[in-house]
Amino acid sequence: MSDNDEIRRKTNANIAGKMEFVDFGYMEFIYSKLPYIPFFHYLVAKDETCFMAINLELQLFTVDDTQRKALDFLYDLIMSHIKDVAERGDFAQLIETAKSNVMDEYWCKYRELEFIAAQKAFNNRKKDAVSKVEIVEG
């Protein structure tokens, strides 16, 4: 079993135990030599001893003693994975992994955190600055 498989096994076992998620976001590969690489979404979970950065599209995980290092390692791992796939010409593997439902619980948590952040931003706005919410169709 690879280290990543072991981390995935432990993480999936912990999700039921209500991991403490401390951050979420996405990584944009602006300077990538590969055009059209999408954003890669992540969650960061914390336990007593470490931080775990979790990529939702590729099902990749990294662990370190600081959040910053865990995210830096995740970025490097994603780039390495994409480079490996590109060299093999096997983008079908990326597509199959990304459309898998293995990470559904994590995606639900991501969306929850995203809406909680939006609610906080909405509640913290100046009351006289926004009188109503407008939805603009593009």
N, C-alpha and C. Protein backbone atom coordinates (compact mmCIF):
# COMPACT_ATOMS: atom_id res chain seq x y z
N MET A 1 0.85 -1.17 0.00
CA MET A 1 0.00 0.00 0.00
C MET A 1 0.89 1.23 0.00
N SER A 2 0.61 2.20 -0.88
CA SER A 2 1.42 3.42 -0.94
C SER A 2 1.09 4.31 0.25
N ASP A 3 1.98 5.26 0.51
CA ASP A 3 1.74 6.21 1.59
C ASP A 3 0.45 6.98 1.38
N ASN A 4 0.20 7.37 0.11
CA ASN A 4 -1.02 8.13 -0.18
C ASN A 4 -2.26 7.27 0.06
N ASP A 5 -2.19 5.98 -0.26
CA ASP A 5 -3.32 5.08 0.01
C ASP A 5 -3.57 4.97 1.51
N GLU A 6 -2.50 4.90 2.29
CA GLU A 6 -2.63 4.82 3.75
C GLU A 6 -3.25 6.10 4.30
N ILE A 7 -2.80 7.24 3.82
CA ILE A 7 -3.37 8.52 4.27
C ILE A 7 -4.84 8.59 3.88
N ARG A 8 -5.17 8.18 2.64
CA ARG A 8 -6.56 8.21 2.19
C ARG A 8 -7.43 7.31 3.07
N ARG A 9 -6.92 6.13 3.42
CA ARG A 9 -7.67 5.21 4.27
C ARG A 9 -7.94 5.84 5.63
N LYS A 10 -6.91 6.43 6.23
CA LYS A 10 -7.06 7.07 7.54
C LYS A 10 -7.99 8.27 7.46
N THR A 11 -7.86 9.05 6.40
CA THR A 11 -8.69 10.23 6.24
C THR A 11 -10.15 9.86 6.08
N ASN A 12 -10.42 8.88 5.22
CA ASN A 12 -11.81 8.47 5.03
C ASN A 12 -12.39 7.91 6.32
N ALA A 13 -11.59 7.27 7.14
CA ALA A 13 -12.06 6.79 8.43
C ALA A 13 -12.33 7.96 9.36
N ASN A 14 -11.52 9.01 9.26
CA ASN A 14 -11.67 10.17 10.14
C ASN A 14 -12.82 11.09 9.75
N ILE A 15 -13.24 11.07 8.48
CA ILE A 15 -14.30 11.98 8.09
C ILE A 15 -15.56 11.70 8.88
N ALA A 16 -15.81 10.43 9.16
CA ALA A 16 -16.96 10.08 9.98
C ALA A 16 -16.76 10.59 11.41
N GLY A 17 -15.51 10.70 11.82
CA GLY A 17 -15.19 11.20 13.15
C GLY A 17 -15.16 12.71 13.22
N LYS A 18 -15.64 13.37 12.20
CA LYS A 18 -15.74 14.83 12.18
C LYS A 18 -14.38 15.51 12.31
N MET A 19 -13.62 15.44 11.24
CA MET A 19 -12.34 16.14 11.20
C MET A 19 -12.58 17.63 11.43
N GLU A 20 -11.61 18.30 11.98
CA GLU A 20 -11.70 19.75 12.15
C GLU A 20 -11.09 20.41 10.91
N PHE A 21 -11.95 20.98 10.07
CA PHE A 21 -11.47 21.64 8.87
C PHE A 21 -11.18 23.09 9.20
N VAL A 22 -9.98 23.54 8.85
CA VAL A 22 -9.54 24.88 9.23
C VAL A 22 -9.34 25.81 8.03
N ASP A 23 -9.40 25.27 6.82
CA ASP A 23 -9.19 26.12 5.65
C ASP A 23 -9.74 25.39 4.42
N PHE A 24 -10.03 26.18 3.40
CA PHE A 24 -10.46 25.64 2.12
C PHE A 24 -10.09 26.64 1.05
N GLY A 25 -10.06 26.20 -0.17
CA GLY A 25 -9.75 27.10 -1.27
C GLY A 25 -9.43 26.33 -2.53
N TYR A 26 -8.75 26.99 -3.44
CA TYR A 26 -8.35 26.31 -4.67
C TYR A 26 -6.97 26.80 -5.08
N MET A 27 -6.30 25.96 -5.84
CA MET A 27 -4.99 26.28 -6.36
C MET A 27 -5.13 26.50 -7.86
N GLU A 28 -4.53 27.58 -8.30
CA GLU A 28 -4.56 27.92 -9.72
C GLU A 28 -3.14 27.77 -10.26
N PHE A 29 -2.99 27.04 -11.31
CA PHE A 29 -1.69 26.79 -11.90
C PHE A 29 -1.48 27.74 -13.08
N ILE A 30 -1.23 29.00 -12.77
CA ILE A 30 -1.12 30.06 -13.77
C ILE A 30 0.07 29.83 -14.69
N TYR A 31 1.19 29.45 -14.12
CA TYR A 31 2.40 29.34 -14.91
C TYR A 31 2.66 27.92 -15.42
N SER A 32 1.63 27.14 -15.45
CA SER A 32 1.77 25.76 -15.91
C SER A 32 2.11 25.74 -17.40
N LYS A 33 2.91 24.78 -17.78
CA LYS A 33 3.24 24.62 -19.19
C LYS A 33 2.11 23.89 -19.92
N LEU A 34 1.16 23.41 -19.15
CA LEU A 34 0.01 22.73 -19.76
C LEU A 34 -1.17 23.70 -19.77
N PRO A 35 -1.69 24.01 -20.96
CA PRO A 35 -2.85 24.91 -21.01
C PRO A 35 -4.10 24.20 -20.49
N TYR A 36 -5.03 24.99 -20.04
CA TYR A 36 -6.35 24.52 -19.63
C TYR A 36 -6.35 23.62 -18.39
N ILE A 37 -5.35 23.74 -17.56
CA ILE A 37 -5.39 22.99 -16.31
C ILE A 37 -6.40 23.70 -15.39
N PRO A 38 -7.38 22.98 -14.89
CA PRO A 38 -8.42 23.61 -14.06
C PRO A 38 -7.90 23.94 -12.67
N PHE A 39 -8.74 24.64 -11.92
CA PHE A 39 -8.44 24.88 -10.51
C PHE A 39 -8.50 23.54 -9.78
N PHE A 40 -7.71 23.43 -8.73
CA PHE A 40 -7.75 22.24 -7.89
C PHE A 40 -8.14 22.67 -6.49
N HIS A 41 -9.29 22.20 -6.04
CA HIS A 41 -9.86 22.58 -4.76
C HIS A 41 -9.24 21.76 -3.63
N TYR A 42 -9.13 22.41 -2.47
CA TYR A 42 -8.54 21.71 -1.32
C TYR A 42 -9.27 22.06 -0.03
N LEU A 43 -9.13 21.17 0.91
CA LEU A 43 -9.53 21.38 2.29
C LEU A 43 -8.29 21.15 3.15
N VAL A 44 -8.23 21.83 4.28
CA VAL A 44 -7.17 21.56 5.25
C VAL A 44 -7.84 21.15 6.54
N ALA A 45 -7.43 20.00 7.05
CA ALA A 45 -7.94 19.48 8.32
C ALA A 45 -6.79 19.50 9.33
N LYS A 46 -7.17 19.62 10.59
CA LYS A 46 -6.17 19.69 11.65
C LYS A 46 -6.54 18.69 12.73
N ASP A 47 -5.51 18.01 13.25
CA ASP A 47 -5.73 17.21 14.45
C ASP A 47 -4.71 17.68 15.48
N GLU A 48 -4.49 16.91 16.52
CA GLU A 48 -3.62 17.35 17.61
C GLU A 48 -2.18 17.58 17.17
N THR A 49 -1.72 16.84 16.17
CA THR A 49 -0.29 16.86 15.84
C THR A 49 0.05 17.37 14.45
N CYS A 50 -0.92 17.47 13.54
CA CYS A 50 -0.55 17.81 12.17
C CYS A 50 -1.71 18.43 11.40
N PHE A 51 -1.35 18.90 10.21
CA PHE A 51 -2.33 19.43 9.26
C PHE A 51 -2.34 18.51 8.06
N MET A 52 -3.52 18.28 7.51
CA MET A 52 -3.67 17.45 6.33
C MET A 52 -4.30 18.31 5.24
N ALA A 53 -3.63 18.42 4.10
CA ALA A 53 -4.17 19.12 2.94
C ALA A 53 -4.73 18.06 1.99
N ILE A 54 -5.97 18.27 1.57
CA ILE A 54 -6.71 17.27 0.80
C ILE A 54 -7.14 17.89 -0.53
N ASN A 55 -6.70 17.29 -1.64
CA ASN A 55 -7.15 17.74 -2.95
C ASN A 55 -8.40 16.97 -3.34
N LEU A 56 -9.44 17.68 -3.76
CA LEU A 56 -10.73 17.05 -4.03
C LEU A 56 -10.83 16.42 -5.41
N GLU A 57 -10.20 17.00 -6.41
CA GLU A 57 -10.32 16.46 -7.76
C GLU A 57 -9.48 15.19 -7.96
N LEU A 58 -8.25 15.20 -7.48
CA LEU A 58 -7.34 14.09 -7.75
C LEU A 58 -7.19 13.13 -6.59
N GLN A 59 -7.89 13.40 -5.49
CA GLN A 59 -7.87 12.51 -4.32
C GLN A 59 -6.45 12.37 -3.76
N LEU A 60 -5.74 13.48 -3.68
CA LEU A 60 -4.38 13.49 -3.16
C LEU A 60 -4.38 14.13 -1.77
N PHE A 61 -3.48 13.65 -0.91
CA PHE A 61 -3.40 14.11 0.46
C PHE A 61 -1.95 14.34 0.84
N THR A 62 -1.69 15.37 1.63
CA THR A 62 -0.37 15.56 2.22
C THR A 62 -0.54 15.91 3.69
N VAL A 63 0.48 15.60 4.47
CA VAL A 63 0.43 15.84 5.91
C VAL A 63 1.73 16.51 6.33
N ASP A 64 1.63 17.50 7.19
CA ASP A 64 2.82 18.13 7.76
C ASP A 64 2.45 18.80 9.07
N ASP A 65 3.48 19.31 9.75
CA ASP A 65 3.24 19.93 11.06
C ASP A 65 2.72 21.35 10.96
N THR A 66 2.78 21.98 9.76
CA THR A 66 2.18 23.31 9.59
C THR A 66 1.24 23.28 8.39
N GLN A 67 0.26 24.15 8.43
CA GLN A 67 -0.71 24.25 7.34
C GLN A 67 -0.01 24.68 6.05
N ARG A 68 0.88 25.65 6.15
CA ARG A 68 1.57 26.16 4.96
C ARG A 68 2.38 25.05 4.27
N LYS A 69 3.12 24.27 5.05
CA LYS A 69 3.92 23.18 4.46
C LYS A 69 3.02 22.12 3.83
N ALA A 70 1.93 21.79 4.50
CA ALA A 70 1.01 20.79 3.95
C ALA A 70 0.45 21.26 2.61
N LEU A 71 0.09 22.55 2.51
CA LEU A 71 -0.42 23.08 1.24
C LEU A 71 0.68 23.16 0.18
N ASP A 72 1.88 23.56 0.57
CA ASP A 72 2.99 23.60 -0.39
C ASP A 72 3.28 22.21 -0.94
N PHE A 73 3.29 21.22 -0.06
CA PHE A 73 3.52 19.84 -0.51
C PHE A 73 2.39 19.35 -1.41
N LEU A 74 1.16 19.75 -1.10
CA LEU A 74 0.03 19.36 -1.94
C LEU A 74 0.17 19.97 -3.33
N TYR A 75 0.55 21.23 -3.40
CA TYR A 75 0.77 21.89 -4.69
C TYR A 75 1.81 21.10 -5.50
N ASP A 76 2.93 20.79 -4.85
CA ASP A 76 3.99 20.04 -5.53
C ASP A 76 3.51 18.65 -5.97
N LEU A 77 2.73 18.00 -5.13
CA LEU A 77 2.22 16.67 -5.45
C LEU A 77 1.27 16.73 -6.65
N ILE A 78 0.41 17.72 -6.69
CA ILE A 78 -0.51 17.88 -7.82
C ILE A 78 0.28 18.11 -9.10
N MET A 79 1.27 19.01 -9.05
CA MET A 79 2.09 19.29 -10.24
C MET A 79 2.81 18.03 -10.70
N SER A 80 3.37 17.29 -9.78
CA SER A 80 4.08 16.05 -10.12
C SER A 80 3.13 15.04 -10.76
N HIS A 81 1.94 14.92 -10.19
CA HIS A 81 0.95 13.99 -10.71
C HIS A 81 0.53 14.37 -12.13
N ILE A 82 0.27 15.66 -12.34
CA ILE A 82 -0.14 16.13 -13.67
C ILE A 82 0.98 15.92 -14.68
N LYS A 83 2.21 16.21 -14.27
CA LYS A 83 3.36 16.03 -15.16
C LYS A 83 3.48 14.56 -15.56
N ASP A 84 3.33 13.67 -14.58
CA ASP A 84 3.41 12.24 -14.86
C ASP A 84 2.33 11.81 -15.84
N VAL A 85 1.11 12.27 -15.60
CA VAL A 85 -0.01 11.91 -16.48
C VAL A 85 0.22 12.48 -17.88
N ALA A 86 0.70 13.73 -17.95
CA ALA A 86 0.94 14.37 -19.26
C ALA A 86 2.01 13.63 -20.04
N GLU A 87 3.07 13.20 -19.34
CA GLU A 87 4.14 12.47 -20.02
C GLU A 87 3.66 11.13 -20.57
N ARG A 88 2.72 10.51 -19.87
CA ARG A 88 2.15 9.25 -20.35
C ARG A 88 1.04 9.47 -21.36
N GLY A 89 0.55 10.71 -21.47
CA GLY A 89 -0.56 11.01 -22.38
C GLY A 89 -1.86 10.37 -21.93
N ASP A 90 -2.05 10.26 -20.63
CA ASP A 90 -3.19 9.54 -20.06
C ASP A 90 -4.16 10.47 -19.33
N PHE A 91 -4.66 11.49 -20.05
CA PHE A 91 -5.58 12.42 -19.42
C PHE A 91 -6.90 11.76 -19.05
N ALA A 92 -7.21 10.63 -19.68
CA ALA A 92 -8.43 9.91 -19.32
C ALA A 92 -8.40 9.52 -17.85
N GLN A 93 -7.22 9.23 -17.33
CA GLN A 93 -7.09 8.91 -15.90
C GLN A 93 -7.50 10.10 -15.04
N LEU A 94 -7.06 11.31 -15.41
CA LEU A 94 -7.44 12.51 -14.64
C LEU A 94 -8.95 12.71 -14.67
N ILE A 95 -9.53 12.51 -15.83
CA ILE A 95 -10.98 12.70 -15.98
C ILE A 95 -11.73 11.69 -15.11
N GLU A 96 -11.34 10.44 -15.17
CA GLU A 96 -12.02 9.41 -14.38
C GLU A 96 -11.89 9.67 -12.88
N THR A 97 -10.70 10.07 -12.45
CA THR A 97 -10.49 10.37 -11.04
C THR A 97 -11.33 11.56 -10.61
N ALA A 98 -11.33 12.61 -11.43
CA ALA A 98 -12.06 13.84 -11.09
C ALA A 98 -13.57 13.62 -11.04
N LYS A 99 -14.10 12.74 -11.87
CA LYS A 99 -15.56 12.56 -11.86
C LYS A 99 -16.02 11.45 -10.90
N SER A 100 -15.08 10.85 -10.22
CA SER A 100 -15.42 9.84 -9.21
C SER A 100 -16.19 10.47 -8.06
N ASN A 101 -17.01 9.69 -7.41
CA ASN A 101 -17.78 10.21 -6.27
C ASN A 101 -17.10 9.92 -4.93
N VAL A 102 -15.87 9.46 -4.96
CA VAL A 102 -15.14 9.10 -3.74
C VAL A 102 -15.05 10.28 -2.77
N MET A 103 -14.94 11.48 -3.31
CA MET A 103 -14.71 12.66 -2.48
C MET A 103 -16.00 13.44 -2.18
N ASP A 104 -17.15 12.83 -2.38
CA ASP A 104 -18.42 13.55 -2.20
C ASP A 104 -18.57 14.17 -0.81
N GLU A 105 -18.19 13.45 0.23
CA GLU A 105 -18.31 14.01 1.59
C GLU A 105 -17.43 15.24 1.75
N TYR A 106 -16.25 15.20 1.13
CA TYR A 106 -15.35 16.35 1.19
C TYR A 106 -15.91 17.53 0.39
N TRP A 107 -16.49 17.24 -0.78
CA TRP A 107 -17.10 18.31 -1.57
C TRP A 107 -18.25 18.96 -0.79
N CYS A 108 -19.03 18.16 -0.09
CA CYS A 108 -20.11 18.72 0.73
C CYS A 108 -19.54 19.65 1.80
N LYS A 109 -18.46 19.24 2.43
CA LYS A 109 -17.82 20.07 3.45
C LYS A 109 -17.27 21.35 2.83
N TYR A 110 -16.65 21.23 1.64
CA TYR A 110 -16.12 22.39 0.95
C TYR A 110 -17.23 23.41 0.69
N ARG A 111 -18.34 22.93 0.12
CA ARG A 111 -19.46 23.84 -0.18
C ARG A 111 -20.02 24.47 1.08
N GLU A 112 -20.11 23.69 2.16
CA GLU A 112 -20.59 24.23 3.43
C GLU A 112 -19.68 25.37 3.90
N LEU A 113 -18.38 25.14 3.88
CA LEU A 113 -17.43 26.18 4.31
C LEU A 113 -17.49 27.41 3.41
N GLU A 114 -17.68 27.17 2.13
CA GLU A 114 -17.78 28.28 1.17
C GLU A 114 -19.00 29.15 1.49
N PHE A 115 -20.14 28.53 1.78
CA PHE A 115 -21.34 29.29 2.07
C PHE A 115 -21.28 29.94 3.46
N ILE A 116 -20.62 29.31 4.41
CA ILE A 116 -20.43 29.93 5.72
C ILE A 116 -19.59 31.19 5.57
N ALA A 117 -18.53 31.12 4.76
CA ALA A 117 -17.69 32.30 4.51
C ALA A 117 -18.50 33.40 3.82
N ALA A 118 -19.33 33.02 2.86
CA ALA A 118 -20.17 34.00 2.16
C ALA A 118 -21.16 34.64 3.13
N GLN A 119 -21.74 33.83 4.02
CA GLN A 119 -22.68 34.36 5.01
C GLN A 119 -21.99 35.35 5.94
N LYS A 120 -20.78 35.02 6.39
CA LYS A 120 -20.03 35.93 7.26
C LYS A 120 -19.74 37.24 6.54
N ALA A 121 -19.32 37.16 5.30
CA ALA A 121 -19.04 38.37 4.52
C ALA A 121 -20.31 39.20 4.35
N PHE A 122 -21.42 38.53 4.08
CA PHE A 122 -22.69 39.23 3.90
C PHE A 122 -23.12 39.89 5.20
N ASN A 123 -22.99 39.18 6.31
CA ASN A 123 -23.40 39.73 7.61
C ASN A 123 -22.50 40.87 8.07
N ASN A 124 -21.25 40.90 7.61
CA ASN A 124 -20.30 41.93 8.03
C ASN A 124 -20.32 43.17 7.14
N ARG A 125 -21.11 43.17 6.10
CA ARG A 125 -21.16 44.33 5.21
C ARG A 125 -21.81 45.49 5.96
N LYS A 126 -21.58 46.68 5.46
CA LYS A 126 -22.24 47.86 6.05
C LYS A 126 -23.71 47.80 5.67
N LYS A 127 -24.56 47.94 6.64
CA LYS A 127 -26.00 47.80 6.41
C LYS A 127 -26.51 48.81 5.39
N ASP A 128 -25.95 50.02 5.37
CA ASP A 128 -26.44 51.02 4.43
C ASP A 128 -25.80 50.88 3.04
N ALA A 129 -24.76 50.08 2.92
CA ALA A 129 -24.08 49.92 1.63
C ALA A 129 -24.83 48.98 0.70
N VAL A 130 -25.56 48.05 1.26
CA VAL A 130 -26.30 47.09 0.44
C VAL A 130 -27.72 47.02 0.96
N SER A 131 -28.65 47.44 0.12
CA SER A 131 -30.04 47.39 0.56
C SER A 131 -30.74 46.12 0.12
N LYS A 132 -30.22 45.49 -0.93
CA LYS A 132 -30.77 44.23 -1.38
C LYS A 132 -29.70 43.48 -2.16
N VAL A 133 -29.89 42.22 -2.29
CA VAL A 133 -28.95 41.40 -3.05
C VAL A 133 -29.45 41.33 -4.47
N GLU A 134 -28.56 41.62 -5.40
CA GLU A 134 -28.91 41.54 -6.81
C GLU A 134 -28.17 40.37 -7.45
N ILE A 135 -28.88 39.60 -8.25
CA ILE A 135 -28.27 38.53 -9.00
C ILE A 135 -28.21 38.98 -10.44
N VAL A 136 -27.00 39.03 -10.97
CA VAL A 136 -26.80 39.48 -12.35
C VAL A 136 -26.54 38.26 -13.21
N GLU A 137 -27.34 38.13 -14.25
CA GLU A 137 -27.15 37.01 -15.17
C GLU A 137 -26.14 37.43 -16.23
N GLY A 138 -25.22 36.50 -16.51
CA GLY A 138 -24.15 36.85 -17.45
C GLY A 138 -24.20 36.21 -18.75
